[in-house]
Structures are given as C-alpha cells and as structure tokens.
Amino acid sequence: MKTIEKVIKDAVAASKYKSGVKEVLQSAKSSKLVIVSKSLDAGDRAKLDEQAKSAGVAVYEFDGNSVQLGKLCNKPFRITAIAIKGATDAEVKAVMAEQAK
C-alpha cells in the first residue's frame, strides 16, 4: 500500500480530517497535509495553494480523480480536497518524498 493511502485511511479511521474545498480552506491552518485530486478546478486549486502556503502546509496532488479519492475515504461521493490533521511529520515527509519521485 502506498504511503498516501495509509495516511488517508488512518486519518479517516481516527476522524482527523476535513473534506471538501470549503472545509479544507477553513481548517488549513490546523492541518498537516492538504490532498487535492486532479479533478479540482483551477480557481479552487489556486485558493487552496495560497491558503496552504500561508499556513505552511504541504499540498499533495493525488494521482487520481475525485471519485477515487472519495472511495479511498470510504465515502459514496466525490471528494476533490481533503485536509489531514492526524498525521505525523514523518508521514508527511514520506508522502511528499513519494510525490517528488
């Protein structure tokens, strides 16, 4: 299992996440990692990037669409963005290193 999938599943199991663009924008400051799907539109992506940058939070582009991200979160609907609150710094570094490859 990829590191990103483990981090998402752990956060969902512990209810330490927010999903949806509005929720993510509001909780960016208290998050450790923001994950966006490829199907997020450019306007919302720019807002999320700006908010995350000002809060010093890493942004990970999920290698799939919003339907796949929703399934990974055990939800029967699409999720374009998710903010992870319950991840360790080591997990965040591992996820970002995985994305850099």
Protein backbone atom coordinates (compact mmCIF):
# COMPACT_ATOMS: atom_id res chain seq x y z
CA MET A 1 0.00 0.00 0.00
CA LYS A 2 1.26 3.45 -0.84
CA THR A 3 2.13 5.84 1.97
CA ILE A 4 -0.56 8.34 0.89
CA GLU A 5 -3.28 5.68 1.05
CA LYS A 6 -2.20 4.64 4.56
CA VAL A 7 -2.15 8.25 5.78
CA ILE A 8 -5.65 8.90 4.36
CA LYS A 9 -7.12 5.67 5.77
CA ASP A 10 -5.60 6.32 9.22
CA ALA A 11 -6.95 9.88 9.28
CA VAL A 12 -10.43 8.75 8.19
CA ALA A 13 -10.45 5.96 10.80
CA ALA A 14 -9.49 8.46 13.53
CA SER A 15 -11.82 11.19 12.14
CA LYS A 16 -8.86 13.59 11.92
CA TYR A 17 -9.63 15.05 8.50
CA LYS A 18 -11.84 17.57 6.70
CA SER A 19 -13.11 17.01 3.19
CA GLY A 20 -14.43 19.46 0.61
CA VAL A 21 -12.91 22.71 -0.60
CA LYS A 22 -14.76 24.99 1.88
CA GLU A 23 -13.92 22.81 4.88
CA VAL A 24 -10.28 22.48 3.80
CA LEU A 25 -9.93 26.24 3.32
CA GLN A 26 -11.30 26.85 6.83
CA SER A 27 -9.13 24.23 8.51
CA ALA A 28 -5.88 24.70 6.55
CA LYS A 29 -4.09 26.38 9.47
CA SER A 30 -4.61 23.40 11.80
CA SER A 31 -3.80 20.77 9.15
CA LYS A 32 -0.58 18.92 8.48
CA LEU A 33 -1.26 17.99 4.85
CA VAL A 34 -3.71 19.02 2.12
CA ILE A 35 -4.50 16.49 -0.59
CA VAL A 36 -6.17 17.58 -3.83
CA SER A 37 -7.48 15.40 -6.67
CA LYS A 38 -6.71 16.00 -10.31
CA SER A 39 -10.35 16.92 -10.96
CA LEU A 40 -10.22 20.04 -8.75
CA ASP A 41 -10.80 23.13 -10.89
CA ALA A 42 -8.05 25.73 -11.31
CA GLY A 43 -9.76 28.50 -9.29
CA ASP A 44 -10.26 26.35 -6.21
CA ARG A 45 -6.77 24.87 -6.61
CA ALA A 46 -5.25 28.38 -6.60
CA LYS A 47 -7.18 29.30 -3.43
CA LEU A 48 -6.11 26.11 -1.68
CA ASP A 49 -2.47 26.52 -2.73
CA GLU A 50 -2.43 30.11 -1.46
CA GLN A 51 -4.09 29.22 1.86
CA ALA A 52 -1.79 26.23 2.40
CA LYS A 53 1.31 28.25 1.56
CA SER A 54 0.40 30.99 4.07
CA ALA A 55 -0.24 28.34 6.74
CA GLY A 56 2.96 26.43 5.89
CA VAL A 57 1.08 23.24 4.99
CA ALA A 58 2.26 20.79 2.32
CA VAL A 59 -0.04 20.19 -0.68
CA TYR A 60 -0.10 16.75 -2.29
CA GLU A 61 -1.66 16.19 -5.71
CA PHE A 62 -3.49 12.85 -5.55
CA ASP A 63 -2.79 10.73 -8.61
CA GLY A 64 -6.45 10.12 -9.38
CA ASN A 65 -9.82 11.80 -9.73
CA SER A 66 -12.32 12.86 -7.08
CA VAL A 67 -14.26 9.57 -7.32
CA GLN A 68 -11.11 7.58 -6.45
CA LEU A 69 -10.30 9.95 -3.57
CA GLY A 70 -13.86 9.56 -2.27
CA LYS A 71 -13.56 5.75 -2.39
CA LEU A 72 -10.25 5.92 -0.52
CA CYS A 73 -12.04 7.91 2.21
CA ASN A 74 -14.84 5.28 2.32
CA LYS A 75 -17.39 7.80 1.06
CA PRO A 76 -20.03 7.12 -1.62
CA PHE A 77 -19.43 10.53 -3.21
CA ARG A 78 -16.67 12.51 -4.88
CA ILE A 79 -14.08 14.36 -2.79
CA THR A 80 -11.89 16.93 -4.53
CA ALA A 81 -9.87 18.04 -1.50
CA ILE A 82 -9.07 16.69 1.94
CA ALA A 83 -7.13 18.19 4.86
CA ILE A 84 -5.32 15.70 7.11
CA LYS A 85 -4.95 16.73 10.76
CA GLY A 86 -3.75 13.50 12.34
CA ALA A 87 -0.53 12.73 10.51
CA THR A 88 2.96 12.70 11.94
CA ASP A 89 5.72 14.85 10.45
CA ALA A 90 7.50 11.69 9.30
CA GLU A 91 4.38 10.55 7.40
CA VAL A 92 4.03 13.96 5.75
CA LYS A 93 7.70 13.90 4.69
CA ALA A 94 7.32 10.36 3.32
CA VAL A 95 4.22 11.35 1.32
CA MET A 96 5.91 14.43 -0.15
CA ALA A 97 9.05 12.40 -1.00
CA GLU A 98 6.80 9.86 -2.74
CA GLN A 99 5.23 12.63 -4.82
CA ALA A 100 8.64 14.01 -5.82
CA LYS A 101 9.57 10.69 -7.48
